[in-house]
Amino acid sequence: MWLKKSINHEPGPAGDYMQSFLTPHKTAQFFFNTEQLCQFVSAPDSKKKDIPGSAYFKKISMFMEEYVQVEELFLEYIKGDCQNTNKTLCGFCAKFPCSAAGLERVPRPMPDHNALPELCYLPFDKTPTVTSSGSQRDVNDYQPRTQIKKKFEDGTLALDDAESIGMFSKTFAVEESLTRKYLEHLEYIRLKKEKRSEERK
């Protein structure tokens, strides 16, 4: 409650004012069927229809898949963006039009390489939402944890390669010590996986 009050109507990063909301207690929430939702998510497609509330869950799931961008530590939905992707408004957006015109996606953080050796990100108002070719930026293009996983798996980033860690640190504006720490975690997971595979033989 204190946090809600302290940031409500305070200046936001885009020059507007923020609004904060407090999630009601679980017993007072509209969406109360958590158990059935968990069953729906974990069930195979052939069994989903047998779960109470499956028609509602399926409708929400299809909406999320089509209109909501969900990636590592990221979720974003913009009403009316279907017109940009499909060249026409979907039935939902046509029936319930957006009250604010010209909504744009929030720019994903991007490192300020001109500030090196200082590791920092571009200001919000100077962070692009598109690539140099004009296409939408990938959601995880500069998400450190996602990129560490990707480069660890393809072998271009390793604990015993100080040069690759240093380059990653500069490219993605993350301290080398933090990069090493997450690489150690991934290496530990890999070793555990290999050990389990050996034990099954």
N, C-alpha and C. Protein backbone atom coordinates (compact mmCIF):
# COMPACT_ATOMS: atom_id res chain seq x y z
N MET A 1 0.83 -1.20 0.00
CA MET A 1 0.00 0.00 0.00
C MET A 1 0.87 1.26 0.00
N TRP A 2 1.96 1.23 0.81
CA TRP A 2 2.85 2.40 0.87
C TRP A 2 3.49 2.66 -0.48
N LEU A 3 3.95 1.59 -1.16
CA LEU A 3 4.58 1.76 -2.46
C LEU A 3 3.59 2.31 -3.48
N LYS A 4 2.36 1.81 -3.45
CA LYS A 4 1.32 2.29 -4.37
C LYS A 4 1.12 3.79 -4.20
N LYS A 5 1.01 4.25 -2.97
CA LYS A 5 0.77 5.66 -2.72
C LYS A 5 1.98 6.51 -3.08
N SER A 6 3.18 5.97 -2.88
CA SER A 6 4.39 6.78 -3.09
C SER A 6 4.69 7.05 -4.56
N ILE A 7 4.25 6.14 -5.48
CA ILE A 7 4.55 6.37 -6.90
C ILE A 7 3.33 6.81 -7.71
N ASN A 8 2.13 6.74 -7.12
CA ASN A 8 0.93 7.12 -7.86
C ASN A 8 0.95 8.62 -8.20
N HIS A 9 0.71 8.93 -9.48
CA HIS A 9 0.68 10.30 -10.00
C HIS A 9 2.04 11.00 -9.96
N GLU A 10 3.12 10.23 -9.83
CA GLU A 10 4.46 10.80 -9.92
C GLU A 10 4.87 10.88 -11.39
N PRO A 11 5.79 11.79 -11.74
CA PRO A 11 6.23 11.91 -13.15
C PRO A 11 6.80 10.59 -13.66
N GLY A 12 6.40 10.20 -14.88
CA GLY A 12 6.88 8.97 -15.49
C GLY A 12 8.03 9.22 -16.45
N PRO A 13 8.67 8.15 -16.98
CA PRO A 13 9.83 8.29 -17.87
C PRO A 13 9.52 8.96 -19.20
N ALA A 14 8.26 8.91 -19.64
CA ALA A 14 7.89 9.50 -20.93
C ALA A 14 7.36 10.92 -20.79
N GLY A 15 7.47 11.49 -19.57
CA GLY A 15 6.98 12.84 -19.36
C GLY A 15 5.53 12.90 -18.92
N ASP A 16 4.90 11.73 -18.80
CA ASP A 16 3.52 11.69 -18.34
C ASP A 16 3.51 11.40 -16.83
N TYR A 17 2.38 10.95 -16.31
CA TYR A 17 2.29 10.64 -14.88
C TYR A 17 1.89 9.18 -14.70
N MET A 18 2.53 8.55 -13.73
CA MET A 18 2.29 7.13 -13.50
C MET A 18 1.03 6.89 -12.68
N GLN A 19 0.43 5.73 -12.91
CA GLN A 19 -0.70 5.28 -12.10
C GLN A 19 -0.32 3.94 -11.48
N SER A 20 -0.56 3.77 -10.21
CA SER A 20 -0.23 2.51 -9.54
C SER A 20 -1.49 1.84 -9.04
N PHE A 21 -1.45 0.51 -9.00
CA PHE A 21 -2.60 -0.27 -8.57
C PHE A 21 -2.15 -1.34 -7.59
N LEU A 22 -3.03 -1.68 -6.69
CA LEU A 22 -2.74 -2.70 -5.69
C LEU A 22 -3.60 -3.93 -5.98
N THR A 23 -2.96 -5.07 -6.13
CA THR A 23 -3.69 -6.30 -6.38
C THR A 23 -4.51 -6.68 -5.15
N PRO A 24 -5.79 -6.92 -5.32
CA PRO A 24 -6.61 -7.30 -4.15
C PRO A 24 -6.23 -8.67 -3.62
N HIS A 25 -6.64 -8.95 -2.40
CA HIS A 25 -6.37 -10.24 -1.81
C HIS A 25 -6.94 -11.35 -2.68
N LYS A 26 -6.31 -12.51 -2.66
CA LYS A 26 -6.71 -13.61 -3.52
C LYS A 26 -8.20 -13.96 -3.39
N THR A 27 -8.72 -13.86 -2.20
CA THR A 27 -10.12 -14.19 -1.98
C THR A 27 -11.08 -13.18 -2.59
N ALA A 28 -10.57 -11.98 -2.91
CA ALA A 28 -11.41 -10.92 -3.46
C ALA A 28 -11.20 -10.72 -4.96
N GLN A 29 -10.33 -11.53 -5.56
CA GLN A 29 -10.04 -11.37 -6.98
C GLN A 29 -11.13 -11.98 -7.85
N PHE A 30 -11.35 -11.36 -9.01
CA PHE A 30 -12.35 -11.86 -9.95
C PHE A 30 -11.96 -13.23 -10.48
N PHE A 31 -10.66 -13.36 -10.79
CA PHE A 31 -10.17 -14.62 -11.35
C PHE A 31 -9.80 -15.54 -10.19
N PHE A 32 -10.68 -16.46 -9.85
CA PHE A 32 -10.54 -17.27 -8.64
C PHE A 32 -10.16 -18.73 -8.92
N ASN A 33 -10.28 -19.18 -10.19
CA ASN A 33 -10.09 -20.60 -10.49
C ASN A 33 -8.64 -20.92 -10.88
N THR A 34 -7.73 -20.63 -9.97
CA THR A 34 -6.31 -20.86 -10.21
C THR A 34 -6.01 -22.33 -10.44
N GLU A 35 -6.64 -23.20 -9.67
CA GLU A 35 -6.38 -24.63 -9.77
C GLU A 35 -6.72 -25.16 -11.16
N GLN A 36 -7.87 -24.75 -11.68
CA GLN A 36 -8.28 -25.22 -13.01
C GLN A 36 -7.39 -24.64 -14.10
N LEU A 37 -6.94 -23.39 -13.91
CA LEU A 37 -6.03 -22.78 -14.89
C LEU A 37 -4.72 -23.55 -14.96
N CYS A 38 -4.16 -23.92 -13.81
CA CYS A 38 -2.92 -24.69 -13.77
C CYS A 38 -3.10 -26.04 -14.46
N GLN A 39 -4.26 -26.66 -14.26
CA GLN A 39 -4.55 -27.93 -14.91
C GLN A 39 -4.62 -27.76 -16.43
N PHE A 40 -5.24 -26.66 -16.87
CA PHE A 40 -5.38 -26.39 -18.31
C PHE A 40 -4.02 -26.20 -18.96
N VAL A 41 -3.15 -25.44 -18.30
CA VAL A 41 -1.83 -25.15 -18.86
C VAL A 41 -0.97 -26.41 -18.97
N SER A 42 -1.05 -27.27 -17.97
CA SER A 42 -0.19 -28.46 -17.95
C SER A 42 -0.77 -29.64 -18.73
N ALA A 43 -2.05 -29.61 -19.04
CA ALA A 43 -2.69 -30.74 -19.73
C ALA A 43 -2.33 -30.78 -21.21
N PRO A 44 -2.25 -31.99 -21.81
CA PRO A 44 -2.03 -32.09 -23.26
C PRO A 44 -3.26 -31.53 -23.99
N ASP A 45 -3.08 -31.12 -25.24
CA ASP A 45 -4.16 -30.50 -26.01
C ASP A 45 -5.41 -31.38 -26.07
N SER A 46 -5.21 -32.69 -26.15
CA SER A 46 -6.36 -33.61 -26.27
C SER A 46 -7.19 -33.67 -24.99
N LYS A 47 -6.64 -33.23 -23.86
CA LYS A 47 -7.34 -33.30 -22.57
C LYS A 47 -7.84 -31.95 -22.07
N LYS A 48 -7.42 -30.87 -22.71
CA LYS A 48 -7.77 -29.53 -22.22
C LYS A 48 -9.28 -29.30 -22.17
N LYS A 49 -10.00 -29.82 -23.16
CA LYS A 49 -11.44 -29.57 -23.24
C LYS A 49 -12.21 -30.20 -22.08
N ASP A 50 -11.61 -31.14 -21.37
CA ASP A 50 -12.28 -31.82 -20.26
C ASP A 50 -12.16 -31.05 -18.95
N ILE A 51 -11.37 -29.99 -18.93
CA ILE A 51 -11.14 -29.23 -17.70
C ILE A 51 -12.20 -28.14 -17.56
N PRO A 52 -12.83 -28.01 -16.39
CA PRO A 52 -13.84 -26.96 -16.19
C PRO A 52 -13.29 -25.58 -16.53
N GLY A 53 -14.02 -24.82 -17.34
CA GLY A 53 -13.58 -23.48 -17.72
C GLY A 53 -12.65 -23.47 -18.92
N SER A 54 -12.53 -24.61 -19.61
CA SER A 54 -11.55 -24.72 -20.71
C SER A 54 -11.85 -23.74 -21.85
N ALA A 55 -13.14 -23.48 -22.15
CA ALA A 55 -13.48 -22.56 -23.24
C ALA A 55 -12.97 -21.15 -22.93
N TYR A 56 -13.12 -20.74 -21.68
CA TYR A 56 -12.65 -19.41 -21.27
C TYR A 56 -11.13 -19.36 -21.30
N PHE A 57 -10.49 -20.41 -20.76
CA PHE A 57 -9.03 -20.45 -20.74
C PHE A 57 -8.46 -20.45 -22.15
N LYS A 58 -9.13 -21.18 -23.06
CA LYS A 58 -8.65 -21.25 -24.44
C LYS A 58 -8.74 -19.89 -25.12
N LYS A 59 -9.82 -19.17 -24.85
CA LYS A 59 -9.99 -17.84 -25.44
C LYS A 59 -8.88 -16.90 -24.97
N ILE A 60 -8.58 -16.93 -23.67
CA ILE A 60 -7.51 -16.09 -23.12
C ILE A 60 -6.16 -16.51 -23.69
N SER A 61 -5.94 -17.82 -23.78
CA SER A 61 -4.67 -18.33 -24.29
C SER A 61 -4.44 -17.91 -25.74
N MET A 62 -5.48 -18.01 -26.57
CA MET A 62 -5.36 -17.61 -27.97
C MET A 62 -5.10 -16.11 -28.10
N PHE A 63 -5.75 -15.33 -27.24
CA PHE A 63 -5.54 -13.88 -27.25
C PHE A 63 -4.08 -13.56 -26.89
N MET A 64 -3.55 -14.23 -25.86
CA MET A 64 -2.17 -14.00 -25.44
C MET A 64 -1.19 -14.35 -26.56
N GLU A 65 -1.43 -15.49 -27.22
CA GLU A 65 -0.52 -15.94 -28.27
C GLU A 65 -0.50 -14.97 -29.45
N GLU A 66 -1.67 -14.39 -29.76
CA GLU A 66 -1.77 -13.56 -30.97
C GLU A 66 -1.40 -12.11 -30.74
N TYR A 67 -1.70 -11.58 -29.54
CA TYR A 67 -1.57 -10.14 -29.35
C TYR A 67 -0.57 -9.69 -28.28
N VAL A 68 -0.10 -10.61 -27.46
CA VAL A 68 0.78 -10.22 -26.35
C VAL A 68 2.19 -10.73 -26.61
N GLN A 69 3.16 -9.84 -26.48
CA GLN A 69 4.56 -10.24 -26.60
C GLN A 69 5.06 -10.66 -25.22
N VAL A 70 5.46 -11.91 -25.11
CA VAL A 70 5.96 -12.44 -23.84
C VAL A 70 7.34 -13.03 -24.07
N GLU A 71 8.33 -12.45 -23.43
CA GLU A 71 9.70 -12.93 -23.54
C GLU A 71 10.34 -12.92 -22.16
N GLU A 72 11.63 -13.11 -22.10
CA GLU A 72 12.35 -13.12 -20.83
C GLU A 72 12.14 -11.80 -20.08
N LEU A 73 11.54 -11.87 -18.91
CA LEU A 73 11.30 -10.70 -18.06
C LEU A 73 10.52 -9.60 -18.79
N PHE A 74 9.65 -9.99 -19.70
CA PHE A 74 8.98 -8.97 -20.52
C PHE A 74 7.59 -9.44 -20.93
N LEU A 75 6.61 -8.54 -20.82
CA LEU A 75 5.25 -8.79 -21.30
C LEU A 75 4.66 -7.46 -21.72
N GLU A 76 4.13 -7.39 -22.95
CA GLU A 76 3.57 -6.13 -23.43
C GLU A 76 2.39 -6.38 -24.37
N TYR A 77 1.35 -5.59 -24.16
CA TYR A 77 0.18 -5.64 -25.04
C TYR A 77 -0.23 -4.20 -25.38
N ILE A 78 -0.46 -3.94 -26.66
CA ILE A 78 -0.94 -2.63 -27.10
C ILE A 78 -2.24 -2.83 -27.87
N LYS A 79 -3.32 -2.28 -27.36
CA LYS A 79 -4.60 -2.40 -28.06
C LYS A 79 -4.52 -1.66 -29.39
N GLY A 80 -4.96 -2.32 -30.44
CA GLY A 80 -4.95 -1.73 -31.77
C GLY A 80 -3.70 -2.02 -32.57
N ASP A 81 -2.70 -2.68 -31.96
CA ASP A 81 -1.47 -2.98 -32.69
C ASP A 81 -1.70 -4.03 -33.77
N CYS A 82 -2.84 -4.73 -33.69
CA CYS A 82 -3.17 -5.73 -34.71
C CYS A 82 -3.29 -5.08 -36.08
N GLN A 83 -3.62 -3.79 -36.12
CA GLN A 83 -3.73 -3.10 -37.40
C GLN A 83 -2.36 -2.94 -38.05
N ASN A 84 -1.32 -2.84 -37.24
CA ASN A 84 0.03 -2.73 -37.78
C ASN A 84 0.54 -4.07 -38.30
N THR A 85 0.15 -5.16 -37.63
CA THR A 85 0.65 -6.47 -38.02
C THR A 85 -0.23 -7.16 -39.05
N ASN A 86 -1.55 -7.00 -38.94
CA ASN A 86 -2.47 -7.69 -39.85
C ASN A 86 -3.15 -6.76 -40.86
N LYS A 87 -2.82 -5.46 -40.80
CA LYS A 87 -3.39 -4.45 -41.69
C LYS A 87 -4.88 -4.20 -41.44
N THR A 88 -5.42 -4.80 -40.40
CA THR A 88 -6.83 -4.58 -40.06
C THR A 88 -7.03 -4.84 -38.58
N LEU A 89 -8.03 -4.18 -38.00
CA LEU A 89 -8.33 -4.38 -36.58
C LEU A 89 -9.00 -5.73 -36.36
N CYS A 90 -8.65 -6.39 -35.28
CA CYS A 90 -9.31 -7.64 -34.94
C CYS A 90 -10.71 -7.32 -34.39
N GLY A 91 -11.52 -8.34 -34.20
CA GLY A 91 -12.88 -8.13 -33.72
C GLY A 91 -12.93 -7.46 -32.36
N PHE A 92 -11.99 -7.83 -31.48
CA PHE A 92 -11.97 -7.26 -30.13
C PHE A 92 -11.65 -5.77 -30.17
N CYS A 93 -10.62 -5.39 -30.91
CA CYS A 93 -10.21 -3.98 -30.97
C CYS A 93 -11.24 -3.12 -31.71
N ALA A 94 -11.91 -3.73 -32.70
CA ALA A 94 -12.95 -2.99 -33.43
C ALA A 94 -14.15 -2.73 -32.53
N LYS A 95 -14.48 -3.70 -31.69
CA LYS A 95 -15.64 -3.57 -30.80
C LYS A 95 -15.34 -2.67 -29.61
N PHE A 96 -14.09 -2.73 -29.14
CA PHE A 96 -13.68 -1.92 -28.00
C PHE A 96 -12.47 -1.07 -28.40
N PRO A 97 -12.68 0.01 -29.15
CA PRO A 97 -11.56 0.82 -29.66
C PRO A 97 -10.77 1.47 -28.54
N CYS A 98 -9.50 1.71 -28.83
CA CYS A 98 -8.61 2.33 -27.85
C CYS A 98 -8.98 3.81 -27.70
N SER A 99 -8.99 4.28 -26.46
CA SER A 99 -9.35 5.68 -26.19
C SER A 99 -8.20 6.63 -26.43
N ALA A 100 -6.97 6.09 -26.51
CA ALA A 100 -5.78 6.93 -26.73
C ALA A 100 -5.19 6.61 -28.09
N ALA A 101 -5.00 7.61 -28.91
CA ALA A 101 -4.46 7.40 -30.26
C ALA A 101 -2.93 7.44 -30.24
N GLY A 102 -2.33 6.72 -31.19
CA GLY A 102 -0.88 6.79 -31.36
C GLY A 102 -0.06 6.09 -30.30
N LEU A 103 -0.58 5.00 -29.72
CA LEU A 103 0.20 4.26 -28.73
C LEU A 103 1.38 3.57 -29.40
N GLU A 104 2.52 3.61 -28.76
CA GLU A 104 3.72 2.97 -29.30
C GLU A 104 4.28 1.99 -28.28
N ARG A 105 5.05 1.05 -28.77
CA ARG A 105 5.66 0.07 -27.87
C ARG A 105 6.73 0.74 -27.01
N VAL A 106 6.88 0.23 -25.80
CA VAL A 106 7.91 0.73 -24.90
C VAL A 106 9.26 0.28 -25.44
N PRO A 107 10.22 1.19 -25.63
CA PRO A 107 11.53 0.77 -26.16
C PRO A 107 12.27 -0.13 -25.19
N ARG A 108 12.76 -1.25 -25.70
CA ARG A 108 13.55 -2.15 -24.86
C ARG A 108 14.89 -1.49 -24.54
N PRO A 109 15.41 -1.67 -23.34
CA PRO A 109 16.69 -1.05 -22.98
C PRO A 109 17.80 -1.39 -23.97
N MET A 110 18.62 -0.41 -24.29
CA MET A 110 19.74 -0.60 -25.21
C MET A 110 20.99 0.07 -24.63
N PRO A 111 22.11 -0.64 -24.58
CA PRO A 111 23.33 -0.05 -24.03
C PRO A 111 23.80 1.17 -24.82
N ASP A 112 24.41 2.11 -24.10
CA ASP A 112 24.99 3.29 -24.73
C ASP A 112 26.47 3.02 -24.95
N HIS A 113 26.81 2.53 -26.14
CA HIS A 113 28.19 2.15 -26.43
C HIS A 113 29.11 3.36 -26.54
N ASN A 114 28.55 4.54 -26.73
CA ASN A 114 29.38 5.74 -26.78
C ASN A 114 29.88 6.15 -25.40
N ALA A 115 29.28 5.56 -24.35
CA ALA A 115 29.68 5.91 -22.98
C ALA A 115 30.79 5.01 -22.45
N LEU A 116 31.21 3.99 -23.22
CA LEU A 116 32.26 3.10 -22.75
C LEU A 116 33.53 3.88 -22.40
N PRO A 117 34.26 3.47 -21.35
CA PRO A 117 34.16 2.21 -20.60
C PRO A 117 33.06 2.16 -19.53
N GLU A 118 32.31 3.25 -19.35
CA GLU A 118 31.20 3.20 -18.39
C GLU A 118 30.08 2.34 -18.97
N LEU A 119 29.55 1.47 -18.13
CA LEU A 119 28.47 0.58 -18.56
C LEU A 119 27.13 1.20 -18.20
N CYS A 120 26.44 1.70 -19.21
CA CYS A 120 25.15 2.33 -18.97
C CYS A 120 24.26 2.18 -20.20
N TYR A 121 22.98 2.53 -20.02
CA TYR A 121 22.01 2.40 -21.09
C TYR A 121 21.59 3.77 -21.62
N LEU A 122 21.06 3.75 -22.85
CA LEU A 122 20.56 4.98 -23.45
C LEU A 122 19.36 5.51 -22.67
N PRO A 123 19.18 6.83 -22.63
CA PRO A 123 17.98 7.38 -21.98
C PRO A 123 16.72 6.88 -22.68
N PHE A 124 15.62 6.85 -21.96
CA PHE A 124 14.36 6.34 -22.49
C PHE A 124 13.99 7.02 -23.80
N ASP A 125 14.09 8.35 -23.86
CA ASP A 125 13.65 9.08 -25.05
C ASP A 125 14.62 8.98 -26.22
N LYS A 126 15.78 8.36 -26.01
CA LYS A 126 16.75 8.19 -27.10
C LYS A 126 16.94 6.72 -27.46
N THR A 127 16.12 5.86 -26.89
CA THR A 127 16.22 4.43 -27.17
C THR A 127 15.32 4.07 -28.34
N PRO A 128 15.88 3.53 -29.42
CA PRO A 128 15.06 3.21 -30.60
C PRO A 128 14.20 1.97 -30.39
N THR A 129 13.07 1.93 -31.08
CA THR A 129 12.19 0.76 -31.04
C THR A 129 12.37 -0.11 -32.27
N VAL A 130 13.13 0.39 -33.26
CA VAL A 130 13.37 -0.36 -34.49
C VAL A 130 14.86 -0.48 -34.75
N THR A 131 15.23 -1.41 -35.61
CA THR A 131 16.63 -1.61 -35.99
C THR A 131 17.03 -0.57 -37.04
N SER A 132 18.30 -0.59 -37.44
CA SER A 132 18.78 0.35 -38.45
C SER A 132 18.09 0.14 -39.79
N SER A 133 17.55 -1.07 -40.03
CA SER A 133 16.85 -1.36 -41.29
C SER A 133 15.37 -1.01 -41.23
N GLY A 134 14.90 -0.59 -40.05
CA GLY A 134 13.51 -0.18 -39.91
C GLY A 134 12.57 -1.24 -39.38
N SER A 135 13.06 -2.46 -39.16
CA SER A 135 12.21 -3.53 -38.62
C SER A 135 12.16 -3.44 -37.09
N GLN A 136 11.12 -4.05 -36.50
CA GLN A 136 10.99 -4.03 -35.05
C GLN A 136 12.16 -4.76 -34.41
N ARG A 137 12.70 -4.17 -33.35
CA ARG A 137 13.77 -4.81 -32.61
C ARG A 137 13.27 -6.09 -31.95
N ASP A 138 14.15 -7.09 -31.88
CA ASP A 138 13.82 -8.30 -31.15
C ASP A 138 13.72 -7.96 -29.66
N VAL A 139 12.72 -8.54 -28.99
CA VAL A 139 12.48 -8.21 -27.59
C VAL A 139 13.72 -8.45 -26.73
N ASN A 140 14.45 -9.52 -27.01
CA ASN A 140 15.58 -9.91 -26.16
C ASN A 140 16.94 -9.55 -26.76
N ASP A 141 16.97 -8.60 -27.70
CA ASP A 141 18.24 -8.33 -28.39
C ASP A 141 19.35 -7.87 -27.45
N TYR A 142 19.00 -7.17 -26.37
CA TYR A 142 20.01 -6.74 -25.41
C TYR A 142 19.65 -7.19 -23.99
N GLN A 143 18.88 -8.28 -23.88
CA GLN A 143 18.54 -8.81 -22.56
C GLN A 143 19.70 -9.70 -22.11
N PRO A 144 20.48 -9.26 -21.11
CA PRO A 144 21.73 -9.97 -20.76
C PRO A 144 21.55 -11.46 -20.47
N ARG A 145 20.56 -11.81 -19.64
CA ARG A 145 20.42 -13.21 -19.25
C ARG A 145 20.11 -14.10 -20.45
N THR A 146 19.22 -13.62 -21.34
CA THR A 146 18.88 -14.39 -22.53
C THR A 146 20.09 -14.56 -23.43
N GLN A 147 20.85 -13.48 -23.61
CA GLN A 147 22.01 -13.53 -24.49
C GLN A 147 23.13 -14.39 -23.92
N ILE A 148 23.29 -14.39 -22.59
CA ILE A 148 24.30 -15.26 -21.97
C ILE A 148 23.94 -16.72 -22.23
N LYS A 149 22.66 -17.06 -22.03
CA LYS A 149 22.21 -18.44 -22.29
C LYS A 149 22.50 -18.84 -23.74
N LYS A 150 22.14 -17.95 -24.66
CA LYS A 150 22.30 -18.24 -26.08
C LYS A 150 23.76 -18.46 -26.44
N LYS A 151 24.63 -17.56 -25.97
CA LYS A 151 26.04 -17.65 -26.31
C LYS A 151 26.75 -18.79 -25.57
N PHE A 152 26.26 -19.12 -24.38
CA PHE A 152 26.80 -20.26 -23.64
C PHE A 152 26.49 -21.55 -24.39
N GLU A 153 25.26 -21.66 -24.91
CA GLU A 153 24.85 -22.87 -25.62
C GLU A 153 25.56 -23.04 -26.95
N ASP A 154 25.85 -21.92 -27.64
CA ASP A 154 26.54 -22.07 -28.94
C ASP A 154 28.07 -22.02 -28.80
N GLY A 155 28.56 -21.88 -27.55
CA GLY A 155 29.99 -21.98 -27.30
C GLY A 155 30.79 -20.71 -27.51
N THR A 156 30.11 -19.58 -27.75
CA THR A 156 30.84 -18.33 -28.00
C THR A 156 31.10 -17.54 -26.71
N LEU A 157 30.60 -18.06 -25.58
CA LEU A 157 30.84 -17.42 -24.29
C LEU A 157 31.10 -18.52 -23.27
N ALA A 158 32.26 -18.45 -22.61
CA ALA A 158 32.64 -19.52 -21.68
C ALA A 158 33.41 -18.96 -20.51
N LEU A 159 33.37 -19.68 -19.38
CA LEU A 159 34.04 -19.24 -18.16
C LEU A 159 35.55 -19.12 -18.34
N ASP A 160 36.11 -20.00 -19.15
CA ASP A 160 37.57 -19.99 -19.32
C ASP A 160 38.02 -19.08 -20.47
N ASP A 161 37.11 -18.29 -20.99
CA ASP A 161 37.44 -17.37 -22.09
C ASP A 161 37.22 -15.93 -21.61
N ALA A 162 38.26 -15.35 -21.01
CA ALA A 162 38.16 -14.01 -20.44
C ALA A 162 37.86 -12.96 -21.52
N GLU A 163 38.38 -13.19 -22.72
CA GLU A 163 38.17 -12.21 -23.79
C GLU A 163 36.69 -12.15 -24.19
N SER A 164 36.04 -13.31 -24.29
CA SER A 164 34.63 -13.33 -24.66
C SER A 164 33.77 -12.70 -23.57
N ILE A 165 34.16 -12.89 -22.31
CA ILE A 165 33.41 -12.28 -21.20
C ILE A 165 33.56 -10.77 -21.22
N GLY A 166 34.79 -10.29 -21.48
CA GLY A 166 35.02 -8.86 -21.56
C GLY A 166 34.25 -8.22 -22.69
N MET A 167 34.21 -8.87 -23.84
CA MET A 167 33.47 -8.36 -24.99
C MET A 167 31.97 -8.34 -24.70
N PHE A 168 31.47 -9.39 -24.06
CA PHE A 168 30.06 -9.45 -23.72
C PHE A 168 29.70 -8.31 -22.77
N SER A 169 30.55 -8.07 -21.80
CA SER A 169 30.32 -7.01 -20.82
C SER A 169 30.16 -5.66 -21.50
N LYS A 170 31.01 -5.36 -22.45
CA LYS A 170 30.95 -4.07 -23.15
C LYS A 170 29.72 -3.99 -24.07
N THR A 171 29.41 -5.09 -24.73
CA THR A 171 28.31 -5.09 -25.69
C THR A 171 26.95 -4.96 -25.02
N PHE A 172 26.80 -5.63 -23.87
CA PHE A 172 25.49 -5.69 -23.22
C PHE A 172 25.41 -4.90 -21.91
N ALA A 173 26.46 -4.12 -21.63
CA ALA A 173 26.47 -3.23 -20.46
C ALA A 173 26.17 -3.96 -19.15
N VAL A 174 26.90 -5.04 -18.93
CA VAL A 174 26.74 -5.79 -17.69
C VAL A 174 28.13 -6.11 -17.13
N GLU A 175 28.30 -5.98 -15.84
CA GLU A 175 29.62 -6.18 -15.23
C GLU A 175 30.13 -7.61 -15.48
N GLU A 176 31.44 -7.71 -15.66
CA GLU A 176 32.03 -9.01 -15.92
C GLU A 176 31.78 -9.99 -14.78
N SER A 177 31.80 -9.50 -13.54
CA SER A 177 31.57 -10.38 -12.38
C SER A 177 30.18 -11.00 -12.43
N LEU A 178 29.18 -10.23 -12.87
CA LEU A 178 27.82 -10.75 -12.96
C LEU A 178 27.70 -11.76 -14.11
N THR A 179 28.41 -11.49 -15.20
CA THR A 179 28.41 -12.42 -16.33
C THR A 179 29.02 -13.75 -15.90
N ARG A 180 30.14 -13.68 -15.19
CA ARG A 180 30.79 -14.90 -14.71
C ARG A 180 29.88 -15.68 -13.75
N LYS A 181 29.19 -14.95 -12.89
CA LYS A 181 28.32 -15.60 -11.91
C LYS A 181 27.21 -16.38 -12.60
N TYR A 182 26.62 -15.81 -13.63
CA TYR A 182 25.55 -16.51 -14.33
C TYR A 182 26.10 -17.66 -15.17
N LEU A 183 27.29 -17.48 -15.72
CA LEU A 183 27.92 -18.58 -16.46
C LEU A 183 28.20 -19.76 -15.53
N GLU A 184 28.62 -19.47 -14.30
CA GLU A 184 28.85 -20.53 -13.31
C GLU A 184 27.55 -21.29 -13.04
N HIS A 185 26.45 -20.54 -12.96
CA HIS A 185 25.14 -21.16 -12.74
C HIS A 185 24.77 -22.08 -13.91
N LEU A 186 24.97 -21.61 -15.13
CA LEU A 186 24.65 -22.42 -16.31
C LEU A 186 25.55 -23.65 -16.40
N GLU A 187 26.81 -23.47 -16.03
CA GLU A 187 27.75 -24.59 -16.05
C GLU A 187 27.34 -25.65 -15.03
N TYR A 188 26.89 -25.20 -13.87
CA TYR A 188 26.43 -26.11 -12.82
C TYR A 188 25.21 -26.91 -13.29
N ILE A 189 24.28 -26.23 -13.96
CA ILE A 189 23.09 -26.91 -14.49
C ILE A 189 23.49 -27.93 -15.54
N ARG A 190 24.44 -27.56 -16.40
CA ARG A 190 24.89 -28.47 -17.45
C ARG A 190 25.52 -29.73 -16.86
N LEU A 191 26.35 -29.55 -15.83
CA LEU A 191 27.01 -30.70 -15.20
C LEU A 191 26.00 -31.62 -14.52
N LYS A 192 24.98 -31.02 -13.88
CA LYS A 192 23.94 -31.83 -13.24
C LYS A 192 23.17 -32.64 -14.29
N LYS A 193 22.90 -32.01 -15.42
CA LYS A 193 22.18 -32.69 -16.49
C LYS A 193 22.99 -33.86 -17.03
N GLU A 194 24.30 -33.64 -17.20
CA GLU A 194 25.17 -34.70 -17.69
C GLU A 194 25.26 -35.85 -16.69
N LYS A 195 25.29 -35.49 -15.40
CA LYS A 195 25.38 -36.52 -14.36
C LYS A 195 24.11 -37.38 -14.35
N ARG A 196 22.94 -36.72 -14.48
CA ARG A 196 21.69 -37.48 -14.51
C ARG A 196 21.65 -38.42 -15.72
N SER A 197 22.16 -37.94 -16.86
CA SER A 197 22.18 -38.77 -18.06
C SER A 197 23.07 -39.98 -17.87
N GLU A 198 24.21 -39.80 -17.20
CA GLU A 198 25.12 -40.91 -16.94
C GLU A 198 24.49 -41.92 -15.98
N GLU A 199 23.75 -41.43 -14.99
CA GLU A 199 23.14 -42.32 -14.00
C GLU A 199 22.03 -43.17 -14.60
N ARG A 200 21.41 -42.69 -15.68
CA ARG A 200 20.32 -43.43 -16.32
C ARG A 200 20.84 -44.59 -17.18
N LYS A 201 22.12 -44.51 -17.54
CA LYS A 201 22.68 -45.54 -18.43
C LYS A 201 22.88 -46.85 -17.67
